[in-house]
Every structure is written in structure tokens, then in C-alpha cells.
Amino acid sequence: MHTIILTGGEGKRLRPITCTMPKPMAPLLNKPTLFYTLELLKRHGLDDVTVAIGYMGGEIKKAVGDGRDFGLHVKYRSPSLRLGTAGSVKSALGNGLKGTVLVMSGDGLTDIDITAARKAHAASGASVTVVLSRVSEPCEYGIAVVDGRGFIKEFKEKPSPGGVQRPCEYGNLFDRASSAARAARGYTA
């Protein structure tokens, strides 16, 4: 399985910190946030990584290099235009990746059991699995409305308190790149 880590955003809400470093390099306990994601991937045996870079991407390349220090094989994709989240994923997939791909944010902190999520994805038959988690205040996040089998019916972006049905934050994404014909399924970690 290949992993794409998205790191291209400007991190405007973290200014002035992100005036001198990209958001994924902002330290948490004296270590860049991105490093926690790289270590998580290694713990789950995922060592083939493409980092989609944008804003101050050179700083990320300098800190991560080829990934050897993390026990990973890291490549970089830097689109010439700002493509947004989906465009960055598509650009990173443009190098001929086949099969299942994990897409993660480079500026988030998670302890998700990637191995369990991979198994749930494979068993579901879905084209895409979005890893979900319950939160106490879903109005601060986007939510996914799922049916009784766990298949996603719709997303609601930061709904008002009256619009909450089944609160789940959505974040990481598993995508079987070669087939988009099957439904998306929510996996609650």
C-alpha cells in the first residue's frame, strides 16, 4: 500500500508561526507534527510514501529527506498550480500508482490503528473508506451521515446544532485508485 501525505496548505490560522515554517513542521513536544505521522506509518509497515508539498515545501524536504531516517522511502510531488486537496491527491497519483492508497494529512495528529482500518476497508468492498471518529461537539467539524451498514450517505460541513444526526468527524481516506464504481463506507476508529 502506498501513502500520500498532504502538506501543501499555508496554515493561515496558525500565523505568525507559519510565517517561518510550513504547518506540518510546527512543533508538538519539540518534534514537527509531520514526524508523528511518518512514525505511525512505519509502525504499521507502510514505508512507501509520497509527500504532496506546496507552501514552503523545501523546508519539509530538508527535514524529511528521502525518508531513510524514518525507515521509509519518501518521494515528493509539487504541482506547479494550487490544486486543493483533491487535486493534490490526483497529482500524487499521477505517477502511476495502482491498488490501495492511504491519504493522510501532514499537519494532524492521530493514533489511528491503520492496520485495522486497512482490514475493514478490504472487507467492505467499498471503493473508498473514510476513517471516522465520534466527537462530543460535531458542529466544530464536518460530519458524515451513514446508513446502518456504515455506508456514507452525505457529508455536512460544520452543521448548525439542529442539523446534527449522527456525529462523526471525517479525516483520513483510503482509496482503491483503480476503481471508483463502488460506494464509500465509513469506518469508525
N, C-alpha and C. Protein backbone atom coordinates (compact mmCIF):
# COMPACT_ATOMS: atom_id res chain seq x y z
N MET A 1 0.84 -1.17 0.00
CA MET A 1 0.00 0.00 0.00
C MET A 1 0.89 1.24 0.00
N HIS A 2 0.51 2.19 -0.80
CA HIS A 2 1.24 3.46 -0.90
C HIS A 2 0.52 4.51 -0.05
N THR A 3 1.26 5.45 0.51
CA THR A 3 0.68 6.53 1.30
C THR A 3 1.00 7.88 0.66
N ILE A 4 -0.01 8.73 0.61
CA ILE A 4 0.17 10.11 0.19
C ILE A 4 -0.09 10.98 1.42
N ILE A 5 0.86 11.85 1.73
CA ILE A 5 0.69 12.79 2.84
C ILE A 5 0.54 14.18 2.26
N LEU A 6 -0.54 14.85 2.62
CA LEU A 6 -0.83 16.19 2.12
C LEU A 6 -0.23 17.22 3.07
N THR A 7 0.65 18.08 2.52
CA THR A 7 1.35 19.06 3.36
C THR A 7 1.37 20.45 2.73
N GLY A 8 0.54 20.71 1.74
CA GLY A 8 0.69 21.92 0.95
C GLY A 8 0.04 23.19 1.45
N GLY A 9 -0.85 23.10 2.45
CA GLY A 9 -1.58 24.29 2.89
C GLY A 9 -0.70 25.33 3.54
N GLU A 10 -1.18 26.58 3.54
CA GLU A 10 -0.41 27.69 4.09
C GLU A 10 -0.53 27.81 5.60
N GLY A 11 -1.53 27.20 6.21
CA GLY A 11 -1.67 27.28 7.66
C GLY A 11 -1.91 28.69 8.15
N LYS A 12 -2.78 29.43 7.48
CA LYS A 12 -3.02 30.83 7.82
C LYS A 12 -3.54 31.02 9.25
N ARG A 13 -4.31 30.06 9.76
CA ARG A 13 -4.85 30.20 11.12
C ARG A 13 -3.77 30.03 12.19
N LEU A 14 -2.60 29.53 11.82
CA LEU A 14 -1.51 29.38 12.79
C LEU A 14 -0.48 30.51 12.71
N ARG A 15 -0.78 31.53 11.94
CA ARG A 15 0.17 32.64 11.86
C ARG A 15 0.24 33.35 13.20
N PRO A 16 1.39 33.79 13.63
CA PRO A 16 2.62 34.01 12.88
C PRO A 16 3.55 32.80 12.80
N ILE A 17 3.21 31.68 13.45
CA ILE A 17 4.10 30.50 13.43
C ILE A 17 4.41 30.08 12.00
N THR A 18 3.38 30.04 11.14
CA THR A 18 3.56 29.55 9.78
C THR A 18 4.13 30.60 8.82
N CYS A 19 4.53 31.73 9.35
CA CYS A 19 5.26 32.70 8.52
C CYS A 19 6.70 32.23 8.29
N THR A 20 7.18 31.38 9.19
CA THR A 20 8.58 30.93 9.11
C THR A 20 8.72 29.43 8.89
N MET A 21 7.61 28.70 8.90
CA MET A 21 7.67 27.26 8.67
C MET A 21 6.32 26.77 8.15
N PRO A 22 6.31 25.68 7.36
CA PRO A 22 5.04 25.12 6.93
C PRO A 22 4.33 24.47 8.12
N LYS A 23 3.02 24.45 8.10
CA LYS A 23 2.22 23.93 9.21
C LYS A 23 2.65 22.53 9.66
N PRO A 24 2.95 21.58 8.77
CA PRO A 24 3.36 20.25 9.22
C PRO A 24 4.68 20.24 10.00
N MET A 25 5.44 21.32 9.91
CA MET A 25 6.70 21.39 10.64
C MET A 25 6.55 22.10 11.98
N ALA A 26 5.33 22.58 12.29
CA ALA A 26 5.09 23.21 13.59
C ALA A 26 5.33 22.16 14.68
N PRO A 27 6.10 22.51 15.70
CA PRO A 27 6.48 21.50 16.70
C PRO A 27 5.37 21.19 17.71
N LEU A 28 5.30 19.94 18.08
CA LEU A 28 4.46 19.46 19.17
C LEU A 28 5.39 18.63 20.05
N LEU A 29 5.58 19.04 21.29
CA LEU A 29 6.54 18.40 22.19
C LEU A 29 7.93 18.35 21.55
N ASN A 30 8.33 19.48 20.97
CA ASN A 30 9.65 19.66 20.36
C ASN A 30 9.93 18.78 19.15
N LYS A 31 8.87 18.30 18.50
CA LYS A 31 9.03 17.48 17.30
C LYS A 31 8.00 17.94 16.27
N PRO A 32 8.39 18.10 15.00
CA PRO A 32 7.41 18.50 13.98
C PRO A 32 6.23 17.52 13.91
N THR A 33 5.04 18.07 13.78
CA THR A 33 3.82 17.27 13.72
C THR A 33 3.93 16.18 12.64
N LEU A 34 4.49 16.53 11.50
CA LEU A 34 4.64 15.57 10.40
C LEU A 34 5.42 14.33 10.82
N PHE A 35 6.38 14.48 11.70
CA PHE A 35 7.20 13.33 12.12
C PHE A 35 6.36 12.27 12.82
N TYR A 36 5.33 12.69 13.58
CA TYR A 36 4.45 11.72 14.24
C TYR A 36 3.71 10.87 13.20
N THR A 37 3.29 11.50 12.11
CA THR A 37 2.61 10.76 11.04
C THR A 37 3.57 9.77 10.38
N LEU A 38 4.79 10.20 10.10
CA LEU A 38 5.77 9.30 9.49
C LEU A 38 6.08 8.11 10.40
N GLU A 39 6.19 8.35 11.69
CA GLU A 39 6.45 7.27 12.65
C GLU A 39 5.26 6.31 12.73
N LEU A 40 4.04 6.83 12.65
CA LEU A 40 2.85 5.99 12.65
C LEU A 40 2.83 5.07 11.43
N LEU A 41 3.16 5.62 10.28
CA LEU A 41 3.20 4.81 9.06
C LEU A 41 4.21 3.67 9.20
N LYS A 42 5.37 3.97 9.73
CA LYS A 42 6.40 2.96 9.90
C LYS A 42 5.93 1.86 10.85
N ARG A 43 5.26 2.24 11.95
CA ARG A 43 4.76 1.23 12.90
C ARG A 43 3.77 0.27 12.27
N HIS A 44 3.07 0.74 11.24
CA HIS A 44 2.08 -0.10 10.57
C HIS A 44 2.60 -0.72 9.27
N GLY A 45 3.91 -0.64 9.07
CA GLY A 45 4.52 -1.30 7.93
C GLY A 45 4.31 -0.62 6.60
N LEU A 46 3.97 0.64 6.61
CA LEU A 46 3.77 1.38 5.36
C LEU A 46 5.00 2.24 5.13
N ASP A 47 5.84 1.83 4.19
CA ASP A 47 7.11 2.54 4.02
C ASP A 47 7.27 3.23 2.68
N ASP A 48 6.26 3.18 1.82
CA ASP A 48 6.31 3.81 0.50
C ASP A 48 5.43 5.06 0.54
N VAL A 49 6.04 6.25 0.56
CA VAL A 49 5.33 7.50 0.84
C VAL A 49 5.62 8.55 -0.23
N THR A 50 4.55 9.23 -0.65
CA THR A 50 4.69 10.44 -1.46
C THR A 50 4.17 11.60 -0.64
N VAL A 51 4.97 12.64 -0.49
CA VAL A 51 4.56 13.84 0.22
C VAL A 51 4.19 14.89 -0.82
N ALA A 52 2.93 15.31 -0.79
CA ALA A 52 2.47 16.36 -1.70
C ALA A 52 2.78 17.69 -1.02
N ILE A 53 3.73 18.42 -1.58
CA ILE A 53 4.19 19.66 -0.95
C ILE A 53 3.71 20.87 -1.72
N GLY A 54 3.68 21.99 -1.02
CA GLY A 54 3.30 23.26 -1.61
C GLY A 54 4.01 24.35 -0.85
N TYR A 55 3.28 25.07 -0.03
CA TYR A 55 3.80 26.19 0.74
C TYR A 55 5.02 25.78 1.56
N MET A 56 6.15 26.41 1.32
CA MET A 56 7.41 26.17 2.00
C MET A 56 7.81 24.68 1.97
N GLY A 57 7.52 24.04 0.87
CA GLY A 57 7.80 22.61 0.72
C GLY A 57 9.28 22.27 0.85
N GLY A 58 10.13 23.19 0.53
CA GLY A 58 11.57 22.95 0.66
C GLY A 58 11.97 22.66 2.09
N GLU A 59 11.28 23.27 3.05
CA GLU A 59 11.57 23.02 4.47
C GLU A 59 11.21 21.59 4.86
N ILE A 60 10.14 21.08 4.28
CA ILE A 60 9.74 19.69 4.54
C ILE A 60 10.74 18.74 3.92
N LYS A 61 11.14 19.02 2.68
CA LYS A 61 12.13 18.17 2.01
C LYS A 61 13.45 18.14 2.78
N LYS A 62 13.84 19.30 3.30
CA LYS A 62 15.09 19.39 4.05
C LYS A 62 15.01 18.57 5.34
N ALA A 63 13.87 18.61 6.02
CA ALA A 63 13.72 17.91 7.30
C ALA A 63 13.53 16.41 7.14
N VAL A 64 12.82 15.98 6.10
CA VAL A 64 12.48 14.56 5.92
C VAL A 64 13.46 13.87 4.98
N GLY A 65 13.95 14.59 4.01
CA GLY A 65 14.87 14.00 3.03
C GLY A 65 14.23 12.84 2.29
N ASP A 66 14.99 11.80 2.08
CA ASP A 66 14.47 10.64 1.35
C ASP A 66 13.73 9.67 2.27
N GLY A 67 13.59 10.03 3.54
CA GLY A 67 12.85 9.19 4.49
C GLY A 67 13.67 8.16 5.22
N ARG A 68 14.91 8.01 4.82
CA ARG A 68 15.77 6.97 5.39
C ARG A 68 15.83 7.04 6.92
N ASP A 69 15.88 8.26 7.48
CA ASP A 69 15.96 8.40 8.94
C ASP A 69 14.71 7.89 9.65
N PHE A 70 13.62 7.74 8.91
CA PHE A 70 12.36 7.22 9.47
C PHE A 70 12.12 5.76 9.08
N GLY A 71 13.03 5.20 8.30
CA GLY A 71 12.84 3.83 7.81
C GLY A 71 11.83 3.77 6.68
N LEU A 72 11.70 4.86 5.94
CA LEU A 72 10.72 4.97 4.86
C LEU A 72 11.40 5.32 3.55
N HIS A 73 10.64 5.17 2.45
CA HIS A 73 11.06 5.62 1.13
C HIS A 73 10.14 6.78 0.78
N VAL A 74 10.66 8.00 0.77
CA VAL A 74 9.84 9.19 0.58
C VAL A 74 10.18 9.86 -0.75
N LYS A 75 9.11 10.17 -1.50
CA LYS A 75 9.21 10.96 -2.73
C LYS A 75 8.35 12.20 -2.54
N TYR A 76 8.51 13.17 -3.43
CA TYR A 76 7.77 14.42 -3.31
C TYR A 76 7.08 14.75 -4.62
N ARG A 77 5.89 15.34 -4.51
CA ARG A 77 5.18 15.88 -5.67
C ARG A 77 4.83 17.32 -5.34
N SER A 78 5.17 18.19 -6.25
CA SER A 78 4.90 19.61 -6.06
C SER A 78 4.24 20.14 -7.33
N PRO A 79 2.92 20.21 -7.34
CA PRO A 79 2.25 20.72 -8.55
C PRO A 79 2.61 22.19 -8.79
N SER A 80 2.65 22.57 -10.05
CA SER A 80 3.00 23.95 -10.39
C SER A 80 1.87 24.92 -10.08
N LEU A 81 0.65 24.42 -9.98
CA LEU A 81 -0.51 25.24 -9.65
C LEU A 81 -1.08 24.78 -8.31
N ARG A 82 -1.79 25.68 -7.63
CA ARG A 82 -2.50 25.30 -6.41
C ARG A 82 -3.70 24.45 -6.82
N LEU A 83 -3.75 23.22 -6.36
CA LEU A 83 -4.78 22.28 -6.80
C LEU A 83 -5.81 21.95 -5.73
N GLY A 84 -5.61 22.36 -4.50
CA GLY A 84 -6.52 21.99 -3.43
C GLY A 84 -6.26 20.55 -3.00
N THR A 85 -7.09 20.06 -2.09
CA THR A 85 -6.88 18.73 -1.53
C THR A 85 -7.01 17.63 -2.57
N ALA A 86 -8.14 17.60 -3.26
CA ALA A 86 -8.36 16.53 -4.24
C ALA A 86 -7.36 16.61 -5.39
N GLY A 87 -7.04 17.82 -5.82
CA GLY A 87 -6.07 17.99 -6.90
C GLY A 87 -4.69 17.53 -6.51
N SER A 88 -4.32 17.75 -5.25
CA SER A 88 -3.01 17.29 -4.77
C SER A 88 -2.94 15.77 -4.74
N VAL A 89 -4.04 15.14 -4.34
CA VAL A 89 -4.08 13.67 -4.35
C VAL A 89 -3.97 13.17 -5.78
N LYS A 90 -4.74 13.76 -6.69
CA LYS A 90 -4.69 13.34 -8.09
C LYS A 90 -3.30 13.53 -8.67
N SER A 91 -2.65 14.63 -8.35
CA SER A 91 -1.29 14.88 -8.82
C SER A 91 -0.33 13.81 -8.30
N ALA A 92 -0.45 13.47 -7.02
CA ALA A 92 0.42 12.45 -6.44
C ALA A 92 0.15 11.08 -7.05
N LEU A 93 -1.09 10.81 -7.40
CA LEU A 93 -1.43 9.53 -8.05
C LEU A 93 -0.95 9.49 -9.49
N GLY A 94 -0.64 10.64 -10.04
CA GLY A 94 -0.25 10.74 -11.44
C GLY A 94 1.00 9.98 -11.81
N ASN A 95 1.73 9.48 -10.83
CA ASN A 95 2.95 8.74 -11.16
C ASN A 95 2.68 7.24 -11.31
N GLY A 96 1.44 6.89 -11.65
CA GLY A 96 1.13 5.51 -12.00
C GLY A 96 0.83 4.59 -10.83
N LEU A 97 0.44 5.13 -9.69
CA LEU A 97 0.12 4.27 -8.55
C LEU A 97 -1.10 3.43 -8.85
N LYS A 98 -1.06 2.19 -8.45
CA LYS A 98 -2.18 1.27 -8.62
C LYS A 98 -2.49 0.65 -7.27
N GLY A 99 -3.69 0.14 -7.12
CA GLY A 99 -4.06 -0.53 -5.88
C GLY A 99 -4.56 0.43 -4.83
N THR A 100 -4.47 0.01 -3.60
CA THR A 100 -4.99 0.77 -2.48
C THR A 100 -3.99 1.85 -2.05
N VAL A 101 -4.52 3.03 -1.79
CA VAL A 101 -3.71 4.18 -1.40
C VAL A 101 -4.28 4.78 -0.12
N LEU A 102 -3.43 5.09 0.82
CA LEU A 102 -3.82 5.78 2.04
C LEU A 102 -3.47 7.25 1.88
N VAL A 103 -4.43 8.13 2.16
CA VAL A 103 -4.19 9.56 2.10
C VAL A 103 -4.32 10.11 3.51
N MET A 104 -3.28 10.82 3.95
CA MET A 104 -3.28 11.40 5.30
C MET A 104 -2.89 12.86 5.25
N SER A 105 -3.30 13.56 6.28
CA SER A 105 -2.91 14.96 6.44
C SER A 105 -1.56 15.00 7.15
N GLY A 106 -0.70 15.88 6.69
CA GLY A 106 0.61 16.01 7.30
C GLY A 106 0.64 16.92 8.50
N ASP A 107 -0.48 17.59 8.78
CA ASP A 107 -0.48 18.53 9.90
C ASP A 107 -1.45 18.11 11.01
N GLY A 108 -1.88 16.86 10.98
CA GLY A 108 -2.78 16.36 12.02
C GLY A 108 -2.08 15.34 12.89
N LEU A 109 -2.62 15.14 14.06
CA LEU A 109 -2.07 14.16 14.99
C LEU A 109 -3.12 13.08 15.20
N THR A 110 -2.75 11.83 14.97
CA THR A 110 -3.68 10.72 15.15
C THR A 110 -2.94 9.50 15.65
N ASP A 111 -3.68 8.65 16.33
CA ASP A 111 -3.12 7.36 16.76
C ASP A 111 -3.94 6.22 16.17
N ILE A 112 -4.56 6.48 15.04
CA ILE A 112 -5.43 5.50 14.39
C ILE A 112 -4.71 4.17 14.18
N ASP A 113 -5.45 3.11 14.32
CA ASP A 113 -4.93 1.77 14.03
C ASP A 113 -5.08 1.56 12.51
N ILE A 114 -4.05 1.92 11.79
CA ILE A 114 -4.10 1.84 10.32
C ILE A 114 -4.28 0.40 9.87
N THR A 115 -3.69 -0.54 10.57
CA THR A 115 -3.81 -1.95 10.19
C THR A 115 -5.28 -2.39 10.26
N ALA A 116 -5.99 -2.03 11.33
CA ALA A 116 -7.41 -2.38 11.46
C ALA A 116 -8.24 -1.68 10.39
N ALA A 117 -7.92 -0.43 10.09
CA ALA A 117 -8.65 0.31 9.06
C ALA A 117 -8.44 -0.33 7.69
N ARG A 118 -7.22 -0.78 7.42
CA ARG A 118 -6.94 -1.45 6.13
C ARG A 118 -7.77 -2.72 6.01
N LYS A 119 -7.84 -3.50 7.08
CA LYS A 119 -8.63 -4.74 7.07
C LYS A 119 -10.10 -4.44 6.86
N ALA A 120 -10.62 -3.43 7.54
CA ALA A 120 -12.03 -3.06 7.39
C ALA A 120 -12.30 -2.60 5.96
N HIS A 121 -11.36 -1.86 5.39
CA HIS A 121 -11.53 -1.40 4.01
C HIS A 121 -11.59 -2.59 3.05
N ALA A 122 -10.65 -3.51 3.19
CA ALA A 122 -10.60 -4.67 2.30
C ALA A 122 -11.87 -5.51 2.42
N ALA A 123 -12.38 -5.66 3.63
CA ALA A 123 -13.57 -6.49 3.85
C ALA A 123 -14.85 -5.82 3.37
N SER A 124 -14.86 -4.48 3.28
CA SER A 124 -16.10 -3.76 2.97
C SER A 124 -16.50 -3.84 1.51
N GLY A 125 -15.51 -4.01 0.61
CA GLY A 125 -15.82 -3.98 -0.81
C GLY A 125 -16.02 -2.56 -1.34
N ALA A 126 -15.84 -1.57 -0.49
CA ALA A 126 -16.03 -0.17 -0.90
C ALA A 126 -14.84 0.30 -1.72
N SER A 127 -15.08 1.27 -2.55
CA SER A 127 -14.03 1.90 -3.34
C SER A 127 -13.19 2.82 -2.46
N VAL A 128 -13.84 3.49 -1.53
CA VAL A 128 -13.20 4.44 -0.64
C VAL A 128 -13.69 4.18 0.78
N THR A 129 -12.79 4.23 1.73
CA THR A 129 -13.16 4.16 3.13
C THR A 129 -12.67 5.44 3.80
N VAL A 130 -13.56 6.14 4.43
CA VAL A 130 -13.22 7.35 5.17
C VAL A 130 -13.20 6.97 6.65
N VAL A 131 -12.09 7.19 7.30
CA VAL A 131 -11.97 6.84 8.71
C VAL A 131 -12.62 7.94 9.53
N LEU A 132 -13.56 7.55 10.38
CA LEU A 132 -14.37 8.48 11.15
C LEU A 132 -14.10 8.33 12.64
N SER A 133 -14.34 9.37 13.39
CA SER A 133 -14.29 9.26 14.85
C SER A 133 -15.39 10.11 15.45
N ARG A 134 -15.98 9.63 16.52
CA ARG A 134 -17.03 10.38 17.21
C ARG A 134 -16.39 11.50 18.01
N VAL A 135 -17.04 12.65 18.00
CA VAL A 135 -16.57 13.79 18.76
C VAL A 135 -17.74 14.35 19.57
N SER A 136 -17.44 14.98 20.69
CA SER A 136 -18.51 15.49 21.55
C SER A 136 -19.19 16.71 20.96
N GLU A 137 -18.48 17.50 20.19
CA GLU A 137 -19.03 18.71 19.58
C GLU A 137 -18.90 18.63 18.05
N PRO A 138 -19.77 17.89 17.38
CA PRO A 138 -19.62 17.70 15.93
C PRO A 138 -19.81 18.97 15.11
N CYS A 139 -20.40 20.00 15.68
CA CYS A 139 -20.62 21.22 14.91
C CYS A 139 -19.31 21.95 14.61
N GLU A 140 -18.23 21.60 15.30
CA GLU A 140 -16.93 22.20 15.03
C GLU A 140 -16.22 21.51 13.87
N TYR A 141 -16.78 20.41 13.40
CA TYR A 141 -16.15 19.60 12.35
C TYR A 141 -17.18 19.30 11.28
N GLY A 142 -16.73 18.72 10.19
CA GLY A 142 -17.67 18.18 9.23
C GLY A 142 -18.17 16.85 9.77
N ILE A 143 -19.36 16.46 9.37
CA ILE A 143 -19.88 15.17 9.81
C ILE A 143 -20.25 14.33 8.59
N ALA A 144 -20.23 13.03 8.81
CA ALA A 144 -20.65 12.08 7.78
C ALA A 144 -21.93 11.42 8.26
N VAL A 145 -22.94 11.41 7.40
CA VAL A 145 -24.19 10.71 7.70
C VAL A 145 -24.07 9.34 7.05
N VAL A 146 -24.18 8.28 7.88
CA VAL A 146 -24.02 6.92 7.39
C VAL A 146 -25.28 6.11 7.61
N ASP A 147 -25.47 5.08 6.79
CA ASP A 147 -26.62 4.20 6.97
C ASP A 147 -26.27 3.09 7.95
N GLY A 148 -27.17 2.17 8.17
CA GLY A 148 -26.98 1.08 9.13
C GLY A 148 -25.83 0.15 8.80
N ARG A 149 -25.42 0.10 7.54
CA ARG A 149 -24.29 -0.75 7.14
C ARG A 149 -22.97 0.00 7.20
N GLY A 150 -23.03 1.31 7.52
CA GLY A 150 -21.82 2.11 7.59
C GLY A 150 -21.48 2.83 6.30
N PHE A 151 -22.35 2.74 5.29
CA PHE A 151 -22.07 3.44 4.04
C PHE A 151 -22.47 4.91 4.14
N ILE A 152 -21.62 5.77 3.64
CA ILE A 152 -21.82 7.21 3.75
C ILE A 152 -22.90 7.67 2.78
N LYS A 153 -23.88 8.38 3.32
CA LYS A 153 -24.97 8.92 2.50
C LYS A 153 -24.70 10.37 2.11
N GLU A 154 -24.10 11.13 3.02
CA GLU A 154 -23.78 12.52 2.73
C GLU A 154 -22.79 13.06 3.76
N PHE A 155 -22.15 14.16 3.39
CA PHE A 155 -21.29 14.91 4.30
C PHE A 155 -21.99 16.23 4.60
N LYS A 156 -21.84 16.68 5.83
CA LYS A 156 -22.34 18.00 6.21
C LYS A 156 -21.17 18.78 6.77
N GLU A 157 -20.88 19.89 6.17
CA GLU A 157 -19.74 20.70 6.59
C GLU A 157 -20.15 21.62 7.73
N LYS A 158 -19.66 21.36 8.92
CA LYS A 158 -19.88 22.16 10.12
C LYS A 158 -21.34 22.60 10.24
N PRO A 159 -22.26 21.65 10.44
CA PRO A 159 -23.68 21.99 10.52
C PRO A 159 -24.03 22.75 11.80
N SER A 160 -25.18 23.41 11.78
CA SER A 160 -25.68 24.06 12.99
C SER A 160 -26.10 22.96 13.97
N PRO A 161 -26.20 23.28 15.26
CA PRO A 161 -26.55 22.24 16.24
C PRO A 161 -27.82 21.46 15.91
N GLY A 162 -28.81 22.08 15.30
CA GLY A 162 -30.03 21.36 14.93
C GLY A 162 -29.85 20.43 13.75
N GLY A 163 -28.75 20.55 13.01
CA GLY A 163 -28.54 19.74 11.82
C GLY A 163 -27.74 18.47 12.06
N VAL A 164 -27.42 18.17 13.31
CA VAL A 164 -26.60 17.00 13.63
C VAL A 164 -27.47 15.78 13.75
N GLN A 165 -27.14 14.72 12.99
CA GLN A 165 -27.88 13.47 13.06
C GLN A 165 -27.03 12.38 13.71
N ARG A 166 -25.90 12.10 13.14
CA ARG A 166 -25.03 11.05 13.64
C ARG A 166 -23.61 11.61 13.58
N PRO A 167 -23.07 12.10 14.69
CA PRO A 167 -21.82 12.88 14.65
C PRO A 167 -20.57 12.04 14.41
N CYS A 168 -19.89 12.32 13.32
CA CYS A 168 -18.62 11.68 13.03
C CYS A 168 -17.73 12.68 12.32
N GLU A 169 -16.53 12.86 12.82
CA GLU A 169 -15.56 13.71 12.13
C GLU A 169 -14.98 12.90 10.99
N TYR A 170 -14.73 13.51 9.85
CA TYR A 170 -14.07 12.77 8.79
C TYR A 170 -12.69 13.34 8.54
N GLY A 171 -11.78 12.45 8.21
CA GLY A 171 -10.42 12.89 8.02
C GLY A 171 -9.69 12.06 7.00
N ASN A 172 -9.04 11.01 7.43
CA ASN A 172 -8.17 10.22 6.56
C ASN A 172 -8.98 9.40 5.56
N LEU A 173 -8.35 9.03 4.47
CA LEU A 173 -9.07 8.44 3.35
C LEU A 173 -8.29 7.28 2.77
N PHE A 174 -8.97 6.14 2.59
CA PHE A 174 -8.39 5.03 1.86
C PHE A 174 -9.08 5.00 0.51
N ASP A 175 -8.32 4.87 -0.55
CA ASP A 175 -8.91 4.89 -1.88
C ASP A 175 -8.30 3.80 -2.73
N ARG A 176 -9.15 2.96 -3.29
CA ARG A 176 -8.67 2.00 -4.28
C ARG A 176 -8.68 2.75 -5.60
N ALA A 177 -7.53 3.29 -5.97
CA ALA A 177 -7.41 4.27 -7.06
C ALA A 177 -7.93 3.75 -8.39
N SER A 178 -7.86 2.47 -8.63
CA SER A 178 -8.24 1.96 -9.94
C SER A 178 -9.74 1.78 -10.12
N SER A 179 -10.53 1.92 -9.04
CA SER A 179 -11.96 1.69 -9.17
C SER A 179 -12.75 2.66 -8.31
N ALA A 180 -13.57 3.48 -8.95
CA ALA A 180 -14.39 4.43 -8.21
C ALA A 180 -15.87 4.07 -8.32
N ALA A 181 -16.18 2.87 -8.77
CA ALA A 181 -17.57 2.50 -9.01
C ALA A 181 -18.29 2.04 -7.75
N ARG A 182 -17.56 1.62 -6.73
CA ARG A 182 -18.21 1.13 -5.52
C ARG A 182 -18.49 2.29 -4.56
N ALA A 183 -19.38 2.07 -3.61
CA ALA A 183 -19.77 3.13 -2.66
C ALA A 183 -18.69 3.40 -1.63
N ALA A 184 -18.74 4.59 -1.04
CA ALA A 184 -17.84 4.95 0.05
C ALA A 184 -18.43 4.44 1.35
N ARG A 185 -17.58 3.93 2.22
CA ARG A 185 -18.02 3.39 3.50
C ARG A 185 -17.28 4.11 4.61
N GLY A 186 -17.99 4.39 5.70
CA GLY A 186 -17.38 5.00 6.87
C GLY A 186 -16.89 3.93 7.84
N TYR A 187 -15.68 4.04 8.30
CA TYR A 187 -15.12 3.13 9.31
C TYR A 187 -14.86 3.96 10.55
N THR A 188 -15.53 3.67 11.65
CA THR A 188 -15.34 4.43 12.88
C THR A 188 -14.24 3.80 13.69
N ALA A 189 -13.16 4.55 13.88
CA ALA A 189 -12.00 4.05 14.61
C ALA A 189 -12.17 4.31 16.10
